[in-house]
Amino acid sequence: MHEKSNHRSSQRAGKINSVNTTLHASIIDGGTALSVIPSRSRLQWERRTLPGESQTRVDLELERVIQSVKSFPGDHHVKGREIFVRPPHKVIKAAKIL
């Protein structure tokens, strides 16, 4: 499962700076064999934040993803929990790595 989320930063001096972030499955665990439907599985995912992005916005997006998965048919349980929050790294525009 991979979902990419595109965001546009706010307009600055008449320019729009397009930036991207990802929501990705980092660790998937469960099952005993390729031919057996697992009775339990666990997906650990990560959402990278963008400079200037509010924690409220990120929380709402992650809750939307959880609710979307919960709406799939079947007898499954979905829960999400925040493990940690780290502010995004900021790099000056003149940096050679960009």
N, C-alpha and C. Protein backbone atom coordinates (compact mmCIF):
# COMPACT_ATOMS: atom_id res chain seq x y z
N MET A 1 0.84 -1.17 0.00
CA MET A 1 0.00 0.00 0.00
C MET A 1 0.88 1.23 0.00
N HIS A 2 0.72 2.07 -0.97
CA HIS A 2 1.52 3.29 -1.05
C HIS A 2 0.62 4.41 -1.51
N GLU A 3 0.63 5.45 -0.77
CA GLU A 3 -0.17 6.60 -1.15
C GLU A 3 0.73 7.81 -1.14
N LYS A 4 0.75 8.53 -2.23
CA LYS A 4 1.56 9.74 -2.30
C LYS A 4 0.64 10.93 -2.17
N SER A 5 1.04 11.86 -1.37
CA SER A 5 0.23 13.05 -1.14
C SER A 5 1.00 14.26 -1.63
N ASN A 6 0.43 15.02 -2.53
CA ASN A 6 1.08 16.22 -3.04
C ASN A 6 0.54 17.44 -2.30
N HIS A 7 1.43 18.34 -1.98
CA HIS A 7 1.06 19.57 -1.30
C HIS A 7 1.74 20.73 -2.00
N ARG A 8 1.10 21.87 -2.00
CA ARG A 8 1.72 23.09 -2.49
C ARG A 8 1.93 24.01 -1.31
N SER A 9 3.11 24.58 -1.25
CA SER A 9 3.37 25.53 -0.17
C SER A 9 2.67 26.84 -0.49
N SER A 10 2.63 27.71 0.49
CA SER A 10 1.95 28.98 0.30
C SER A 10 2.69 29.84 -0.72
N GLN A 11 1.97 30.77 -1.32
CA GLN A 11 2.58 31.65 -2.31
C GLN A 11 3.52 32.61 -1.61
N ARG A 12 4.70 32.77 -2.18
CA ARG A 12 5.70 33.69 -1.65
C ARG A 12 6.20 34.55 -2.79
N ALA A 13 6.09 35.83 -2.64
CA ALA A 13 6.56 36.79 -3.63
C ALA A 13 6.03 36.45 -5.02
N GLY A 14 4.77 36.02 -5.10
CA GLY A 14 4.16 35.74 -6.38
C GLY A 14 4.54 34.41 -6.99
N LYS A 15 5.32 33.61 -6.31
CA LYS A 15 5.74 32.31 -6.84
C LYS A 15 5.10 31.20 -6.04
N ILE A 16 4.82 30.09 -6.69
CA ILE A 16 4.33 28.90 -5.99
C ILE A 16 5.47 27.89 -5.97
N ASN A 17 5.85 27.47 -4.81
CA ASN A 17 6.92 26.49 -4.65
C ASN A 17 6.27 25.12 -4.46
N SER A 18 6.42 24.24 -5.42
CA SER A 18 5.80 22.93 -5.34
C SER A 18 6.70 21.96 -4.57
N VAL A 19 6.15 21.33 -3.56
CA VAL A 19 6.90 20.36 -2.75
C VAL A 19 6.04 19.12 -2.57
N ASN A 20 6.67 18.00 -2.29
CA ASN A 20 5.97 16.72 -2.15
C ASN A 20 6.34 16.06 -0.83
N THR A 21 5.45 15.23 -0.38
CA THR A 21 5.71 14.38 0.78
C THR A 21 5.15 13.00 0.47
N THR A 22 5.46 12.02 1.28
CA THR A 22 4.95 10.67 1.05
C THR A 22 4.35 10.10 2.32
N LEU A 23 3.41 9.24 2.11
CA LEU A 23 2.88 8.38 3.16
C LEU A 23 3.21 6.98 2.67
N HIS A 24 4.07 6.27 3.39
CA HIS A 24 4.53 4.98 2.88
C HIS A 24 4.54 3.90 3.95
N ALA A 25 4.37 2.69 3.47
CA ALA A 25 4.44 1.51 4.34
C ALA A 25 5.91 1.20 4.58
N SER A 26 6.36 1.35 5.80
CA SER A 26 7.76 1.12 6.13
C SER A 26 8.03 -0.33 6.50
N ILE A 27 7.14 -0.92 7.31
CA ILE A 27 7.32 -2.30 7.77
C ILE A 27 5.98 -3.02 7.69
N ILE A 28 5.96 -4.18 7.05
CA ILE A 28 4.76 -5.01 6.98
C ILE A 28 5.11 -6.36 7.60
N ASP A 29 4.30 -6.81 8.55
CA ASP A 29 4.58 -8.04 9.28
C ASP A 29 3.32 -8.88 9.36
N GLY A 30 3.46 -10.20 9.20
CA GLY A 30 2.32 -11.10 9.35
C GLY A 30 2.40 -12.25 8.38
N GLY A 31 1.58 -13.24 8.62
CA GLY A 31 1.52 -14.40 7.73
C GLY A 31 2.58 -15.43 8.03
N THR A 32 2.32 -16.64 7.51
CA THR A 32 3.25 -17.75 7.74
C THR A 32 3.73 -18.38 6.44
N ALA A 33 2.99 -18.17 5.35
CA ALA A 33 3.37 -18.73 4.06
C ALA A 33 2.65 -17.96 2.95
N LEU A 34 3.17 -18.02 1.75
CA LEU A 34 2.57 -17.30 0.62
C LEU A 34 1.15 -17.78 0.33
N SER A 35 0.87 -19.03 0.57
CA SER A 35 -0.44 -19.59 0.22
C SER A 35 -1.47 -19.53 1.34
N VAL A 36 -1.15 -18.88 2.46
CA VAL A 36 -2.04 -18.83 3.62
C VAL A 36 -2.43 -17.38 3.89
N ILE A 37 -3.74 -17.13 3.99
CA ILE A 37 -4.20 -15.79 4.36
C ILE A 37 -3.89 -15.61 5.85
N PRO A 38 -3.15 -14.57 6.20
CA PRO A 38 -2.76 -14.41 7.60
C PRO A 38 -3.94 -14.07 8.51
N SER A 39 -3.91 -14.59 9.72
CA SER A 39 -4.95 -14.26 10.70
C SER A 39 -4.68 -12.90 11.32
N ARG A 40 -3.47 -12.43 11.20
CA ARG A 40 -3.07 -11.14 11.75
C ARG A 40 -1.97 -10.55 10.89
N SER A 41 -2.02 -9.25 10.70
CA SER A 41 -0.92 -8.55 10.04
C SER A 41 -0.77 -7.17 10.65
N ARG A 42 0.38 -6.62 10.48
CA ARG A 42 0.66 -5.31 11.05
C ARG A 42 1.41 -4.48 10.02
N LEU A 43 0.95 -3.27 9.84
CA LEU A 43 1.56 -2.33 8.90
C LEU A 43 2.01 -1.11 9.68
N GLN A 44 3.28 -0.81 9.58
CA GLN A 44 3.81 0.41 10.20
C GLN A 44 4.11 1.39 9.07
N TRP A 45 3.58 2.59 9.20
CA TRP A 45 3.72 3.56 8.14
C TRP A 45 4.23 4.88 8.67
N GLU A 46 4.74 5.66 7.76
CA GLU A 46 5.34 6.94 8.12
C GLU A 46 4.84 8.02 7.18
N ARG A 47 4.64 9.18 7.73
CA ARG A 47 4.24 10.35 6.95
C ARG A 47 5.25 11.45 7.25
N ARG A 48 5.98 11.87 6.24
CA ARG A 48 6.95 12.94 6.41
C ARG A 48 6.24 14.29 6.38
N THR A 49 6.69 15.19 7.22
CA THR A 49 6.10 16.52 7.27
C THR A 49 6.89 17.50 6.41
N LEU A 50 6.23 18.60 6.09
CA LEU A 50 6.84 19.65 5.28
C LEU A 50 7.06 20.90 6.12
N PRO A 51 8.08 21.69 5.79
CA PRO A 51 8.26 22.95 6.52
C PRO A 51 7.00 23.80 6.45
N GLY A 52 6.56 24.29 7.58
CA GLY A 52 5.38 25.14 7.65
C GLY A 52 4.06 24.39 7.74
N GLU A 53 4.09 23.08 7.66
CA GLU A 53 2.87 22.28 7.71
C GLU A 53 2.44 22.09 9.16
N SER A 54 1.17 22.31 9.45
CA SER A 54 0.70 22.21 10.83
C SER A 54 0.50 20.75 11.24
N GLN A 55 0.69 20.49 12.52
CA GLN A 55 0.46 19.15 13.06
C GLN A 55 -1.00 18.77 12.91
N THR A 56 -1.89 19.74 13.03
CA THR A 56 -3.33 19.49 12.86
C THR A 56 -3.62 18.96 11.46
N ARG A 57 -3.01 19.55 10.46
CA ARG A 57 -3.22 19.11 9.07
C ARG A 57 -2.74 17.67 8.89
N VAL A 58 -1.58 17.36 9.42
CA VAL A 58 -1.03 16.01 9.30
C VAL A 58 -1.94 15.02 10.04
N ASP A 59 -2.37 15.36 11.25
CA ASP A 59 -3.25 14.48 12.03
C ASP A 59 -4.55 14.20 11.28
N LEU A 60 -5.13 15.23 10.67
CA LEU A 60 -6.37 15.05 9.91
C LEU A 60 -6.16 14.14 8.71
N GLU A 61 -5.04 14.30 8.04
CA GLU A 61 -4.75 13.43 6.88
C GLU A 61 -4.59 11.98 7.31
N LEU A 62 -3.87 11.75 8.38
CA LEU A 62 -3.67 10.38 8.85
C LEU A 62 -4.98 9.76 9.32
N GLU A 63 -5.82 10.54 9.96
CA GLU A 63 -7.13 10.03 10.38
C GLU A 63 -7.98 9.68 9.17
N ARG A 64 -7.89 10.46 8.10
CA ARG A 64 -8.62 10.16 6.86
C ARG A 64 -8.16 8.82 6.28
N VAL A 65 -6.86 8.56 6.33
CA VAL A 65 -6.34 7.28 5.82
C VAL A 65 -6.85 6.13 6.67
N ILE A 66 -6.83 6.28 7.99
CA ILE A 66 -7.32 5.22 8.89
C ILE A 66 -8.79 4.94 8.62
N GLN A 67 -9.59 5.99 8.50
CA GLN A 67 -11.02 5.81 8.24
C GLN A 67 -11.26 5.15 6.88
N SER A 68 -10.45 5.48 5.90
CA SER A 68 -10.57 4.87 4.58
C SER A 68 -10.33 3.36 4.65
N VAL A 69 -9.30 2.95 5.37
CA VAL A 69 -8.99 1.52 5.52
C VAL A 69 -10.10 0.83 6.31
N LYS A 70 -10.62 1.49 7.33
CA LYS A 70 -11.71 0.90 8.13
C LYS A 70 -12.95 0.64 7.28
N SER A 71 -13.14 1.42 6.24
CA SER A 71 -14.35 1.28 5.42
C SER A 71 -14.30 0.10 4.46
N PHE A 72 -13.15 -0.55 4.30
CA PHE A 72 -13.07 -1.73 3.44
C PHE A 72 -13.90 -2.86 4.05
N PRO A 73 -14.55 -3.67 3.21
CA PRO A 73 -15.34 -4.78 3.75
C PRO A 73 -14.44 -5.84 4.37
N GLY A 74 -15.00 -6.57 5.31
CA GLY A 74 -14.26 -7.66 5.94
C GLY A 74 -14.25 -7.51 7.44
N ASP A 75 -13.83 -8.58 8.08
CA ASP A 75 -13.78 -8.60 9.55
C ASP A 75 -12.36 -8.25 9.98
N HIS A 76 -12.07 -6.97 10.00
CA HIS A 76 -10.74 -6.53 10.38
C HIS A 76 -10.84 -5.35 11.35
N HIS A 77 -9.78 -5.12 12.06
CA HIS A 77 -9.70 -4.03 13.02
C HIS A 77 -8.55 -3.13 12.61
N VAL A 78 -8.78 -1.84 12.66
CA VAL A 78 -7.77 -0.87 12.28
C VAL A 78 -7.62 0.13 13.40
N LYS A 79 -6.39 0.40 13.76
CA LYS A 79 -6.15 1.46 14.73
C LYS A 79 -4.84 2.16 14.35
N GLY A 80 -4.74 3.37 14.75
CA GLY A 80 -3.53 4.13 14.49
C GLY A 80 -3.07 4.79 15.77
N ARG A 81 -1.78 4.97 15.87
CA ARG A 81 -1.26 5.70 17.03
C ARG A 81 0.01 6.42 16.60
N GLU A 82 0.18 7.55 17.19
CA GLU A 82 1.35 8.36 16.90
C GLU A 82 2.49 7.89 17.78
N ILE A 83 3.61 7.58 17.16
CA ILE A 83 4.78 7.12 17.91
C ILE A 83 5.67 8.30 18.27
N PHE A 84 5.94 9.15 17.30
CA PHE A 84 6.71 10.36 17.58
C PHE A 84 6.44 11.39 16.50
N VAL A 85 6.77 12.62 16.83
CA VAL A 85 6.65 13.73 15.89
C VAL A 85 7.99 14.45 15.86
N ARG A 86 8.46 14.71 14.68
CA ARG A 86 9.72 15.44 14.53
C ARG A 86 9.49 16.54 13.50
N PRO A 87 9.91 17.76 13.78
CA PRO A 87 9.72 18.81 12.79
C PRO A 87 10.53 18.51 11.52
N PRO A 88 10.06 19.01 10.38
CA PRO A 88 10.79 18.76 9.13
C PRO A 88 12.14 19.47 9.14
N HIS A 89 13.07 18.91 8.41
CA HIS A 89 14.38 19.54 8.25
C HIS A 89 14.24 20.70 7.28
N LYS A 90 14.86 21.80 7.62
CA LYS A 90 14.84 22.97 6.73
C LYS A 90 16.24 23.14 6.15
N VAL A 91 16.29 23.39 4.86
CA VAL A 91 17.56 23.59 4.18
C VAL A 91 17.49 24.93 3.45
N ILE A 92 18.52 25.71 3.54
CA ILE A 92 18.51 27.00 2.85
C ILE A 92 18.55 26.77 1.34
N LYS A 93 17.95 27.69 0.59
CA LYS A 93 17.84 27.53 -0.85
C LYS A 93 19.21 27.45 -1.53
N ALA A 94 20.22 28.07 -0.95
CA ALA A 94 21.56 28.08 -1.56
C ALA A 94 22.34 26.79 -1.30
N ALA A 95 21.77 25.87 -0.54
CA ALA A 95 22.48 24.63 -0.23
C ALA A 95 22.78 23.83 -1.49
N LYS A 96 23.94 23.27 -1.58
CA LYS A 96 24.37 22.53 -2.78
C LYS A 96 23.67 21.20 -2.94
N ILE A 97 23.01 20.69 -1.87
CA ILE A 97 22.36 19.39 -1.98
C ILE A 97 21.05 19.47 -2.72
N LEU A 98 20.48 20.67 -2.89
CA LEU A 98 19.23 20.83 -3.60
C LEU A 98 19.55 20.99 -5.03
